Amino acid sequence: MKWRYQILPKKPQANFTVKVNENKLLNLVEHKWNLYKQLFRKIFEKQTVIDLDRYVQDVVVIHMDKRKDRYRKFKRESKRIKLTDGTLFDKIRIHKAIDGTKIRKKRRKDFRPEYTFKSWYDINPEPRWKDVKDKDKKIIMSSGSEIGISLSHMGVWKDIIKKKTPYTLILEDDFTINIGFQNNFKEAWNELPKDFDLFYLSYSPSSDGFKYDLYKNNLLKIHKGIWWLSGYILSYDGVKKLVDNFPVVGVVDMWINHIIPSMNVYSTRRLLIDQRINMKSDNTYSFISGKYNPEVRKMLHGKRGINDKV
């Protein structure tokens, strides 16, 4: 959720569980202030030019054709990032996103749209859900937008397998690039183990279950409780591990958390890529929606949740 902006402590402990400020208004104000401040700083930004080809062999943006507004904004944003042979936009290959609201919600060999309450709770064990009984028997159906997001990312992964691309940067079309991207990326990459599978450049920590270890100066070794797929790098071996664990069950960024124990997963300590705040979200979060989650419906006395779009 976009108000769940979290700056990690300066000296986090190993296997530290992040406690997110529960004041939602304060989180939202802080998040928006930081991002608008970055927009101003970008005007005067001095960039270090890097050769992106040394690090990744493909840059993919998942984009739905009908969102022309998103195309214009990510084009402008990616053109801002200078590289040795042009800009980031020159490297981008667009992967056509699937509109999950236009397809039938049914099981496929590689994807199951329904998931259990427990599969979400294991990743984000919020205290308010502690007393829910039979968590492994309560079924939640993914929303149409979540299904589209899952299938779109899976489509990119399958392309990587076909092309045998060593390293791929994958972005969703509402991304923004934070100040100092090139320098921070280069420093983080130099610390990254060669056998990494998945590298998050953008993420949101689970409010009650984010677990990690410090890794050198610029990285975290991720164990559990990480959300978002706004910007990440997959190695070819990492993609194979994901595909070998198909079907994806439920929401794709939740499902990845269940595969992380068998992968080498890292993130930057600070976000290098973020989600754009001044843009309408198309996503409906099934777990917090009374339409999809019976426990939320019960809590709302049968009324449909109104806070399901974030």
C-alpha atoms as a PDB file:
ATOM      1  CA  MET A   1       0.000   0.000   0.000  1.00  0.00           C
ATOM      2  CA  LYS A   2       1.427   3.378  -0.885  1.00  0.00           C
ATOM      3  CA  TRP A   3       1.104   4.875   2.588  1.00  0.00           C
ATOM      4  CA  ARG A   4       3.273   2.091   3.942  1.00  0.00           C
ATOM      5  CA  TYR A   5       6.431   4.040   3.211  1.00  0.00           C
ATOM      6  CA  GLN A   6       9.232   2.820   5.434  1.00  0.00           C
ATOM      7  CA  ILE A   7      12.730   4.126   5.994  1.00  0.00           C
ATOM      8  CA  LEU A   8      14.844   1.375   7.520  1.00  0.00           C
ATOM      9  CA  PRO A   9      16.626   2.097  10.802  1.00  0.00           C
ATOM     10  CA  LYS A  10      20.241   3.229  10.425  1.00  0.00           C
ATOM     11  CA  LYS A  11      21.445   0.231  12.408  1.00  0.00           C
ATOM     12  CA  PRO A  12      18.885  -2.569  11.916  1.00  0.00           C
ATOM     13  CA  GLN A  13      19.538  -5.864  13.654  1.00  0.00           C
ATOM     14  CA  ALA A  14      19.839  -9.268  12.029  1.00  0.00           C
ATOM     15  CA  ASN A  15      16.402 -10.818  11.439  1.00  0.00           C
ATOM     16  CA  PHE A  16      14.959  -7.519  12.622  1.00  0.00           C
ATOM     17  CA  THR A  17      11.177  -7.233  12.276  1.00  0.00           C
ATOM     18  CA  VAL A  18      10.237  -3.764  11.103  1.00  0.00           C
ATOM     19  CA  LYS A  19       7.563  -1.923  13.037  1.00  0.00           C
ATOM     20  CA  VAL A  20       5.770   0.519  10.753  1.00  0.00           C
ATOM     21  CA  ASN A  21       4.263   3.656  12.247  1.00  0.00           C
ATOM     22  CA  GLU A  22       0.545   2.924  12.561  1.00  0.00           C
ATOM     23  CA  ASN A  23      -0.381   6.602  12.128  1.00  0.00           C
ATOM     24  CA  LYS A  24      -1.581   6.306   8.536  1.00  0.00           C
ATOM     25  CA  LEU A  25      -2.014  10.043   8.034  1.00  0.00           C
ATOM     26  CA  LEU A  26       1.512  10.748   9.270  1.00  0.00           C
ATOM     27  CA  ASN A  27       2.907   8.028   6.985  1.00  0.00           C
ATOM     28  CA  LEU A  28       1.033   9.443   4.008  1.00  0.00           C
ATOM     29  CA  VAL A  29       2.135  13.035   4.641  1.00  0.00           C
ATOM     30  CA  GLU A  30       5.771  11.973   5.159  1.00  0.00           C
ATOM     31  CA  HIS A  31       5.744   9.811   2.037  1.00  0.00           C
ATOM     32  CA  LYS A  32       4.262  12.541  -0.175  1.00  0.00           C
ATOM     33  CA  TRP A  33       6.569  15.215   1.233  1.00  0.00           C
ATOM     34  CA  ASN A  34       9.639  13.072   0.520  1.00  0.00           C
ATOM     35  CA  LEU A  35       8.548  12.315  -3.025  1.00  0.00           C
ATOM     36  CA  TYR A  36       7.584  15.887  -3.918  1.00  0.00           C
ATOM     37  CA  LYS A  37      10.886  17.034  -2.434  1.00  0.00           C
ATOM     38  CA  GLN A  38      12.622  14.587  -4.775  1.00  0.00           C
ATOM     39  CA  LEU A  39      10.754  16.032  -7.768  1.00  0.00           C
ATOM     40  CA  PHE A  40      12.208  19.451  -6.932  1.00  0.00           C
ATOM     41  CA  ARG A  41      15.718  18.033  -6.406  1.00  0.00           C
ATOM     42  CA  LYS A  42      15.624  16.268  -9.779  1.00  0.00           C
ATOM     43  CA  ILE A  43      15.668  19.651 -11.507  1.00  0.00           C
ATOM     44  CA  PHE A  44      19.176  20.306 -10.133  1.00  0.00           C
ATOM     45  CA  GLU A  45      20.411  16.704 -10.131  1.00  0.00           C
ATOM     46  CA  LYS A  46      23.972  15.960 -11.220  1.00  0.00           C
ATOM     47  CA  GLN A  47      24.110  12.439 -12.627  1.00  0.00           C
ATOM     48  CA  THR A  48      26.911   9.921 -12.933  1.00  0.00           C
ATOM     49  CA  VAL A  49      26.704   8.181 -16.296  1.00  0.00           C
ATOM     50  CA  ILE A  50      26.929   4.370 -16.208  1.00  0.00           C
ATOM     51  CA  ASP A  51      27.061   1.586 -18.787  1.00  0.00           C
ATOM     52  CA  LEU A  52      23.856  -0.299 -17.952  1.00  0.00           C
ATOM     53  CA  ASP A  53      24.748  -3.099 -20.373  1.00  0.00           C
ATOM     54  CA  ARG A  54      27.478  -4.190 -17.957  1.00  0.00           C
ATOM     55  CA  TYR A  55      24.760  -5.107 -15.457  1.00  0.00           C
ATOM     56  CA  VAL A  56      21.561  -6.106 -17.268  1.00  0.00           C
ATOM     57  CA  GLN A  57      20.905  -7.325 -20.806  1.00  0.00           C
ATOM     58  CA  ASP A  58      17.224  -6.382 -21.007  1.00  0.00           C
ATOM     59  CA  VAL A  59      14.973  -3.692 -19.480  1.00  0.00           C
ATOM     60  CA  VAL A  60      11.274  -4.502 -19.538  1.00  0.00           C
ATOM     61  CA  VAL A  61       8.361  -2.245 -18.626  1.00  0.00           C
ATOM     62  CA  ILE A  62       4.985  -3.905 -18.061  1.00  0.00           C
ATOM     63  CA  HIS A  63       2.478  -1.521 -19.596  1.00  0.00           C
ATOM     64  CA  MET A  64      -1.172  -1.564 -20.577  1.00  0.00           C
ATOM     65  CA  ASP A  65      -1.801   0.134 -23.931  1.00  0.00           C
ATOM     66  CA  LYS A  66      -4.863   2.055 -22.770  1.00  0.00           C
ATOM     67  CA  ARG A  67      -2.887   3.915 -20.085  1.00  0.00           C
ATOM     68  CA  LYS A  68      -1.391   6.583 -22.354  1.00  0.00           C
ATOM     69  CA  ASP A  69      -0.863   8.802 -19.311  1.00  0.00           C
ATOM     70  CA  ARG A  70       1.453   6.225 -17.785  1.00  0.00           C
ATOM     71  CA  TYR A  71       3.405   5.868 -21.009  1.00  0.00           C
ATOM     72  CA  ARG A  72       4.047   9.607 -21.212  1.00  0.00           C
ATOM     73  CA  LYS A  73       5.219   9.748 -17.596  1.00  0.00           C
ATOM     74  CA  PHE A  74       7.520   6.733 -17.637  1.00  0.00           C
ATOM     75  CA  LYS A  75       8.955   7.900 -20.965  1.00  0.00           C
ATOM     76  CA  ARG A  76       9.792  11.284 -19.465  1.00  0.00           C
ATOM     77  CA  GLU A  77      11.149   9.700 -16.277  1.00  0.00           C
ATOM     78  CA  SER A  78      13.347   7.143 -18.046  1.00  0.00           C
ATOM     79  CA  LYS A  79      14.703   9.748 -20.483  1.00  0.00           C
ATOM     80  CA  ARG A  80      16.005  11.626 -17.431  1.00  0.00           C
ATOM     81  CA  ILE A  81      18.396   8.774 -16.540  1.00  0.00           C
ATOM     82  CA  LYS A  82      21.627   9.235 -18.498  1.00  0.00           C
ATOM     83  CA  LEU A  83      23.677   6.250 -19.662  1.00  0.00           C
ATOM     84  CA  THR A  84      26.898   5.972 -21.639  1.00  0.00           C
ATOM     85  CA  ASP A  85      24.992   5.282 -24.856  1.00  0.00           C
ATOM     86  CA  GLY A  86      21.831   7.313 -24.395  1.00  0.00           C
ATOM     87  CA  THR A  87      19.124   7.164 -21.741  1.00  0.00           C
ATOM     88  CA  LEU A  88      17.246   4.479 -19.859  1.00  0.00           C
ATOM     89  CA  PHE A  89      14.298   4.927 -22.225  1.00  0.00           C
ATOM     90  CA  ASP A  90      16.470   3.789 -25.143  1.00  0.00           C
ATOM     91  CA  LYS A  91      16.897   0.410 -23.386  1.00  0.00           C
ATOM     92  CA  ILE A  92      13.232  -0.207 -22.601  1.00  0.00           C
ATOM     93  CA  ARG A  93      11.245  -3.012 -24.166  1.00  0.00           C
ATOM     94  CA  ILE A  94       7.505  -2.847 -23.464  1.00  0.00           C
ATOM     95  CA  HIS A  95       5.724  -6.012 -22.370  1.00  0.00           C
ATOM     96  CA  LYS A  96       1.995  -5.733 -22.991  1.00  0.00           C
ATOM     97  CA  ALA A  97       0.169  -6.032 -19.674  1.00  0.00           C
ATOM     98  CA  ILE A  98      -2.854  -8.302 -19.301  1.00  0.00           C
ATOM     99  CA  ASP A  99      -6.105  -6.678 -18.227  1.00  0.00           C
ATOM    100  CA  GLY A 100      -7.276  -9.167 -15.604  1.00  0.00           C
ATOM    101  CA  THR A 101     -10.701  -7.550 -15.387  1.00  0.00           C
ATOM    102  CA  LYS A 102     -11.421  -8.738 -18.933  1.00  0.00           C
ATOM    103  CA  ILE A 103     -10.649 -12.428 -18.485  1.00  0.00           C
ATOM    104  CA  ARG A 104     -12.382 -15.249 -16.655  1.00  0.00           C
ATOM    105  CA  LYS A 105     -11.201 -16.060 -13.157  1.00  0.00           C
ATOM    106  CA  LYS A 106     -10.264 -19.666 -13.574  1.00  0.00           C
ATOM    107  CA  ARG A 107      -7.420 -21.970 -12.694  1.00  0.00           C
ATOM    108  CA  ARG A 108      -4.662 -22.561 -15.181  1.00  0.00           C
ATOM    109  CA  LYS A 109      -1.809 -24.999 -15.155  1.00  0.00           C
ATOM    110  CA  ASP A 110       0.590 -22.253 -14.082  1.00  0.00           C
ATOM    111  CA  PHE A 111      -1.739 -20.004 -12.049  1.00  0.00           C
ATOM    112  CA  ARG A 112      -4.437 -20.303  -9.388  1.00  0.00           C
ATOM    113  CA  PRO A 113      -6.330 -17.094  -8.619  1.00  0.00           C
ATOM    114  CA  GLU A 114      -7.558 -18.162  -5.188  1.00  0.00           C
ATOM    115  CA  TYR A 115      -5.379 -18.261  -2.066  1.00  0.00           C
ATOM    116  CA  THR A 116      -5.841 -19.002   1.615  1.00  0.00           C
ATOM    117  CA  PHE A 117      -6.064 -16.462   4.401  1.00  0.00           C
ATOM    118  CA  LYS A 118      -3.084 -18.234   5.993  1.00  0.00           C
ATOM    119  CA  SER A 119      -0.829 -17.733   2.955  1.00  0.00           C
ATOM    120  CA  TRP A 120      -1.204 -13.970   3.355  1.00  0.00           C
ATOM    121  CA  TYR A 121      -1.114 -13.979   7.146  1.00  0.00           C
ATOM    122  CA  ASP A 122       2.165 -15.924   7.150  1.00  0.00           C
ATOM    123  CA  ILE A 123       3.757 -13.024   5.276  1.00  0.00           C
ATOM    124  CA  ASN A 124       2.096 -10.197   7.183  1.00  0.00           C
ATOM    125  CA  PRO A 125       0.814 -11.460  10.580  1.00  0.00           C
ATOM    126  CA  GLU A 126      -1.120  -8.376  11.658  1.00  0.00           C
ATOM    127  CA  PRO A 127      -2.294  -8.714  15.293  1.00  0.00           C
ATOM    128  CA  ARG A 128      -5.911  -7.930  14.385  1.00  0.00           C
ATOM    129  CA  TRP A 129      -6.121 -11.226  12.458  1.00  0.00           C
ATOM    130  CA  LYS A 130      -4.499 -13.354  15.144  1.00  0.00           C
ATOM    131  CA  ASP A 131      -7.748 -14.888  16.418  1.00  0.00           C
ATOM    132  CA  VAL A 132      -9.179 -15.765  13.015  1.00  0.00           C
ATOM    133  CA  LYS A 133      -9.886 -19.505  13.068  1.00  0.00           C
ATOM    134  CA  ASP A 134      -9.127 -22.005  10.308  1.00  0.00           C
ATOM    135  CA  LYS A 135      -6.913 -19.595   8.403  1.00  0.00           C
ATOM    136  CA  ASP A 136      -5.823 -22.389   6.076  1.00  0.00           C
ATOM    137  CA  LYS A 137      -9.450 -23.096   5.105  1.00  0.00           C
ATOM    138  CA  LYS A 138     -10.618 -19.557   4.383  1.00  0.00           C
ATOM    139  CA  ILE A 139     -10.345 -18.891   0.647  1.00  0.00           C
ATOM    140  CA  ILE A 140      -9.853 -15.460  -0.904  1.00  0.00           C
ATOM    141  CA  MET A 141     -10.220 -14.846  -4.634  1.00  0.00           C
ATOM    142  CA  SER A 142      -7.712 -12.501  -6.264  1.00  0.00           C
ATOM    143  CA  SER A 143      -9.205  -9.374  -7.792  1.00  0.00           C
ATOM    144  CA  GLY A 144      -9.222  -8.979 -11.555  1.00  0.00           C
ATOM    145  CA  SER A 145      -6.410  -6.424 -11.439  1.00  0.00           C
ATOM    146  CA  GLU A 146      -4.280  -8.707  -9.245  1.00  0.00           C
ATOM    147  CA  ILE A 147      -4.785 -11.546 -11.718  1.00  0.00           C
ATOM    148  CA  GLY A 148      -3.660  -9.291 -14.562  1.00  0.00           C
ATOM    149  CA  ILE A 149      -0.555  -8.199 -12.648  1.00  0.00           C
ATOM    150  CA  SER A 150       0.353 -11.794 -11.817  1.00  0.00           C
ATOM    151  CA  LEU A 151      -0.069 -13.045 -15.378  1.00  0.00           C
ATOM    152  CA  SER A 152       1.850 -10.065 -16.785  1.00  0.00           C
ATOM    153  CA  HIS A 153       4.907 -10.688 -14.596  1.00  0.00           C
ATOM    154  CA  MET A 154       4.715 -14.398 -15.359  1.00  0.00           C
ATOM    155  CA  GLY A 155       4.722 -13.545 -19.069  1.00  0.00           C
ATOM    156  CA  VAL A 156       7.956 -11.597 -18.662  1.00  0.00           C
ATOM    157  CA  TRP A 157       9.534 -14.518 -16.784  1.00  0.00           C
ATOM    158  CA  LYS A 158       8.603 -16.927 -19.567  1.00  0.00           C
ATOM    159  CA  ASP A 159      10.202 -14.576 -22.126  1.00  0.00           C
ATOM    160  CA  ILE A 160      13.416 -14.602 -20.103  1.00  0.00           C
ATOM    161  CA  ILE A 161      13.449 -18.405 -20.143  1.00  0.00           C
ATOM    162  CA  LYS A 162      12.972 -18.468 -23.923  1.00  0.00           C
ATOM    163  CA  LYS A 163      15.695 -15.903 -24.562  1.00  0.00           C
ATOM    164  CA  LYS A 164      17.997 -17.167 -21.771  1.00  0.00           C
ATOM    165  CA  THR A 165      18.702 -13.598 -20.726  1.00  0.00           C
ATOM    166  CA  PRO A 166      21.351 -13.513 -17.956  1.00  0.00           C
ATOM    167  CA  TYR A 167      19.966 -10.475 -16.075  1.00  0.00           C
ATOM    168  CA  THR A 168      16.728  -8.553 -16.636  1.00  0.00           C
ATOM    169  CA  LEU A 169      15.479  -5.333 -15.045  1.00  0.00           C
ATOM    170  CA  ILE A 170      11.680  -5.461 -14.755  1.00  0.00           C
ATOM    171  CA  LEU A 171       9.617  -2.332 -14.094  1.00  0.00           C
ATOM    172  CA  GLU A 172       5.930  -1.584 -13.727  1.00  0.00           C
ATOM    173  CA  ASP A 173       4.774   1.460 -15.630  1.00  0.00           C
ATOM    174  CA  ASP A 174       4.138   3.676 -12.578  1.00  0.00           C
ATOM    175  CA  PHE A 175       7.809   3.726 -11.564  1.00  0.00           C
ATOM    176  CA  THR A 176       9.911   6.730 -10.638  1.00  0.00           C
ATOM    177  CA  ILE A 177      13.707   6.734 -10.402  1.00  0.00           C
ATOM    178  CA  ASN A 178      15.125   8.214  -7.209  1.00  0.00           C
ATOM    179  CA  ILE A 179      17.935  10.768  -7.011  1.00  0.00           C
ATOM    180  CA  GLY A 180      21.422   9.303  -7.338  1.00  0.00           C
ATOM    181  CA  PHE A 181      20.203   6.135  -9.043  1.00  0.00           C
ATOM    182  CA  GLN A 182      23.341   5.451 -11.079  1.00  0.00           C
ATOM    183  CA  ASN A 183      25.809   5.845  -8.209  1.00  0.00           C
ATOM    184  CA  ASN A 184      23.658   3.951  -5.716  1.00  0.00           C
ATOM    185  CA  PHE A 185      22.959   1.169  -8.194  1.00  0.00           C
ATOM    186  CA  LYS A 186      26.627   0.715  -9.054  1.00  0.00           C
ATOM    187  CA  GLU A 187      27.643   0.586  -5.372  1.00  0.00           C
ATOM    188  CA  ALA A 188      24.904  -1.923  -4.536  1.00  0.00           C
ATOM    189  CA  TRP A 189      25.677  -4.107  -7.565  1.00  0.00           C
ATOM    190  CA  ASN A 190      29.345  -4.297  -6.621  1.00  0.00           C
ATOM    191  CA  GLU A 191      28.330  -5.799  -3.265  1.00  0.00           C
ATOM    192  CA  LEU A 192      25.790  -8.200  -4.741  1.00  0.00           C
ATOM    193  CA  PRO A 193      26.790 -11.904  -4.681  1.00  0.00           C
ATOM    194  CA  LYS A 194      27.227 -13.369  -8.155  1.00  0.00           C
ATOM    195  CA  ASP A 195      24.776 -16.172  -7.353  1.00  0.00           C
ATOM    196  CA  PHE A 196      21.840 -13.862  -6.559  1.00  0.00           C
ATOM    197  CA  ASP A 197      18.444 -14.827  -7.938  1.00  0.00           C
ATOM    198  CA  LEU A 198      16.266 -11.805  -7.240  1.00  0.00           C
ATOM    199  CA  PHE A 199      17.321  -8.224  -6.471  1.00  0.00           C
ATOM    200  CA  TYR A 200      14.705  -5.689  -5.318  1.00  0.00           C
ATOM    201  CA  LEU A 201      15.400  -2.053  -6.230  1.00  0.00           C
ATOM    202  CA  SER A 202      11.905  -1.083  -5.065  1.00  0.00           C
ATOM    203  CA  TYR A 203       9.851  -2.647  -2.294  1.00  0.00           C
ATOM    204  CA  SER A 204       7.490  -2.091   0.609  1.00  0.00           C
ATOM    205  CA  PRO A 205       8.243  -3.960   3.852  1.00  0.00           C
ATOM    206  CA  SER A 206       5.476  -5.976   5.453  1.00  0.00           C
ATOM    207  CA  SER A 207       4.120  -4.012   8.431  1.00  0.00           C
ATOM    208  CA  ASP A 208       4.414  -6.973  10.816  1.00  0.00           C
ATOM    209  CA  GLY A 209       6.662  -9.552   9.187  1.00  0.00           C
ATOM    210  CA  PHE A 210       9.599  -8.032   7.307  1.00  0.00           C
ATOM    211  CA  LYS A 211      12.660 -10.124   8.133  1.00  0.00           C
ATOM    212  CA  TYR A 212      16.134  -9.618   6.760  1.00  0.00           C
ATOM    213  CA  ASP A 213      19.835  -9.599   7.570  1.00  0.00           C
ATOM    214  CA  LEU A 214      22.225  -6.782   6.878  1.00  0.00           C
ATOM    215  CA  TYR A 215      24.526  -7.567   3.979  1.00  0.00           C
ATOM    216  CA  LYS A 216      27.542  -5.265   3.647  1.00  0.00           C
ATOM    217  CA  ASN A 217      26.875  -1.520   3.410  1.00  0.00           C
ATOM    218  CA  ASN A 218      24.152  -1.153   0.813  1.00  0.00           C
ATOM    219  CA  LEU A 219      22.184  -4.401   0.792  1.00  0.00           C
ATOM    220  CA  LEU A 220      19.764  -6.496   2.800  1.00  0.00           C
ATOM    221  CA  LYS A 221      19.458 -10.286   2.572  1.00  0.00           C
ATOM    222  CA  ILE A 222      15.716 -10.841   2.417  1.00  0.00           C
ATOM    223  CA  HIS A 223      14.045 -13.703   4.287  1.00  0.00           C
ATOM    224  CA  LYS A 224      10.365 -12.776   4.358  1.00  0.00           C
ATOM    225  CA  GLY A 225       7.712 -10.101   4.262  1.00  0.00           C
ATOM    226  CA  ILE A 226       8.426  -7.987   1.177  1.00  0.00           C
ATOM    227  CA  TRP A 227       5.844  -6.442  -1.154  1.00  0.00           C
ATOM    228  CA  TRP A 228       5.809  -4.767  -4.585  1.00  0.00           C
ATOM    229  CA  LEU A 229       7.251  -5.660  -7.963  1.00  0.00           C
ATOM    230  CA  SER A 230       7.719  -2.064  -9.115  1.00  0.00           C
ATOM    231  CA  GLY A 231      11.386  -2.535  -9.941  1.00  0.00           C
ATOM    232  CA  TYR A 232      13.504  -5.667  -9.605  1.00  0.00           C
ATOM    233  CA  ILE A 233      16.247  -7.616 -11.335  1.00  0.00           C
ATOM    234  CA  LEU A 234      16.016 -11.337 -12.012  1.00  0.00           C
ATOM    235  CA  SER A 235      18.909 -13.573 -12.953  1.00  0.00           C
ATOM    236  CA  TYR A 236      18.261 -16.391 -15.380  1.00  0.00           C
ATOM    237  CA  ASP A 237      18.730 -18.929 -12.574  1.00  0.00           C
ATOM    238  CA  GLY A 238      16.304 -16.954 -10.430  1.00  0.00           C
ATOM    239  CA  VAL A 239      13.650 -17.029 -13.136  1.00  0.00           C
ATOM    240  CA  LYS A 240      14.061 -20.787 -13.473  1.00  0.00           C
ATOM    241  CA  LYS A 241      13.463 -21.209  -9.736  1.00  0.00           C
ATOM    242  CA  LEU A 242      10.255 -19.182  -9.949  1.00  0.00           C
ATOM    243  CA  VAL A 243       8.966 -21.017 -13.020  1.00  0.00           C
ATOM    244  CA  ASP A 244       9.904 -24.394 -11.548  1.00  0.00           C
ATOM    245  CA  ASN A 245       7.619 -23.562  -8.607  1.00  0.00           C
ATOM    246  CA  PHE A 246       4.576 -22.780 -10.741  1.00  0.00           C
ATOM    247  CA  PRO A 247       1.641 -22.550 -10.285  1.00  0.00           C
ATOM    248  CA  VAL A 248       1.610 -19.063  -8.861  1.00  0.00           C
ATOM    249  CA  VAL A 249      -1.039 -19.162  -6.150  1.00  0.00           C
ATOM    250  CA  GLY A 250      -2.881 -15.899  -5.542  1.00  0.00           C
ATOM    251  CA  VAL A 251      -1.228 -12.491  -5.588  1.00  0.00           C
ATOM    252  CA  VAL A 252       2.176 -12.736  -7.262  1.00  0.00           C
ATOM    253  CA  ASP A 253       4.242 -10.596  -4.860  1.00  0.00           C
ATOM    254  CA  MET A 254       2.753 -12.527  -1.927  1.00  0.00           C
ATOM    255  CA  TRP A 255       3.482 -15.865  -3.618  1.00  0.00           C
ATOM    256  CA  ILE A 256       7.134 -14.957  -4.180  1.00  0.00           C
ATOM    257  CA  ASN A 257       7.562 -14.688  -0.409  1.00  0.00           C
ATOM    258  CA  HIS A 258       6.777 -18.393  -0.125  1.00  0.00           C
ATOM    259  CA  ILE A 259       9.493 -19.187  -2.693  1.00  0.00           C
ATOM    260  CA  ILE A 260      12.149 -16.905  -1.142  1.00  0.00           C
ATOM    261  CA  PRO A 261      13.503 -19.624   1.234  1.00  0.00           C
ATOM    262  CA  SER A 262      14.751 -21.545  -1.816  1.00  0.00           C
ATOM    263  CA  MET A 263      16.253 -18.459  -3.487  1.00  0.00           C
ATOM    264  CA  ASN A 264      19.063 -15.957  -2.952  1.00  0.00           C
ATOM    265  CA  VAL A 265      17.128 -12.710  -2.567  1.00  0.00           C
ATOM    266  CA  TYR A 266      18.548  -9.266  -1.817  1.00  0.00           C
ATOM    267  CA  SER A 267      17.348  -5.681  -1.789  1.00  0.00           C
ATOM    268  CA  THR A 268      18.943  -2.284  -1.632  1.00  0.00           C
ATOM    269  CA  ARG A 269      18.830  -0.651   1.800  1.00  0.00           C
ATOM    270  CA  ARG A 270      17.322   2.483   0.307  1.00  0.00           C
ATOM    271  CA  LEU A 271      14.770   2.509  -2.497  1.00  0.00           C
ATOM    272  CA  LEU A 272      16.366   3.219  -5.863  1.00  0.00           C
ATOM    273  CA  ILE A 273      12.991   3.009  -7.600  1.00  0.00           C
ATOM    274  CA  ASP A 274       9.618   4.053  -6.207  1.00  0.00           C
ATOM    275  CA  GLN A 275       5.952   4.094  -7.177  1.00  0.00           C
ATOM    276  CA  ARG A 276       4.523   7.299  -8.598  1.00  0.00           C
ATOM    277  CA  ILE A 277       2.100   8.929  -6.152  1.00  0.00           C
ATOM    278  CA  ASN A 278       0.336  11.387  -8.484  1.00  0.00           C
ATOM    279  CA  MET A 279      -1.261   8.670 -10.564  1.00  0.00           C
ATOM    280  CA  LYS A 280      -4.511   6.744 -10.311  1.00  0.00           C
ATOM    281  CA  SER A 281      -4.015   3.140  -9.230  1.00  0.00           C
ATOM    282  CA  ASP A 282      -5.749   0.394 -11.196  1.00  0.00           C
ATOM    283  CA  ASN A 283      -5.147  -2.211  -8.505  1.00  0.00           C
ATOM    284  CA  THR A 284      -7.741  -3.597  -6.104  1.00  0.00           C
ATOM    285  CA  TYR A 285      -6.210  -5.366  -3.091  1.00  0.00           C
ATOM    286  CA  SER A 286      -8.308  -8.450  -2.451  1.00  0.00           C
ATOM    287  CA  PHE A 287      -7.063  -9.111   1.078  1.00  0.00           C
ATOM    288  CA  ILE A 288      -8.268  -5.747   2.415  1.00  0.00           C
ATOM    289  CA  SER A 289     -11.496  -5.716   0.403  1.00  0.00           C
ATOM    290  CA  GLY A 290     -14.807  -6.826   1.850  1.00  0.00           C
ATOM    291  CA  LYS A 291     -15.780  -7.940  -1.642  1.00  0.00           C
ATOM    292  CA  TYR A 292     -13.074 -10.630  -1.696  1.00  0.00           C
ATOM    293  CA  ASN A 293     -12.076 -11.296   1.919  1.00  0.00           C
ATOM    294  CA  PRO A 294     -14.893 -12.733   4.122  1.00  0.00           C
ATOM    295  CA  GLU A 295     -13.108 -11.655   7.311  1.00  0.00           C
ATOM    296  CA  VAL A 296     -13.056  -8.030   6.182  1.00  0.00           C
ATOM    297  CA  ARG A 297     -16.718  -8.361   5.181  1.00  0.00           C
ATOM    298  CA  LYS A 298     -17.494  -9.689   8.650  1.00  0.00           C
ATOM    299  CA  MET A 299     -15.586  -6.813  10.239  1.00  0.00           C
ATOM    300  CA  LEU A 300     -17.563  -4.328   8.128  1.00  0.00           C
ATOM    301  CA  HIS A 301     -20.864  -6.061   9.065  1.00  0.00           C
ATOM    302  CA  GLY A 302     -21.501  -7.263   5.561  1.00  0.00           C
ATOM    303  CA  LYS A 303     -20.638  -4.021   3.787  1.00  0.00           C
ATOM    304  CA  ARG A 304     -18.134  -3.986   0.936  1.00  0.00           C
ATOM    305  CA  GLY A 305     -14.777  -2.503   1.903  1.00  0.00           C
ATOM    306  CA  ILE A 306     -14.106   0.982   0.613  1.00  0.00           C
ATOM    307  CA  ASN A 307     -10.325   0.958   1.165  1.00  0.00           C
ATOM    308  CA  ASP A 308      -9.473  -1.719  -1.376  1.00  0.00           C
ATOM    309  CA  LYS A 309      -7.843   0.543  -3.945  1.00  0.00           C
ATOM    310  CA  VAL A 310      -4.453   1.895  -2.888  1.00  0.00           C
END
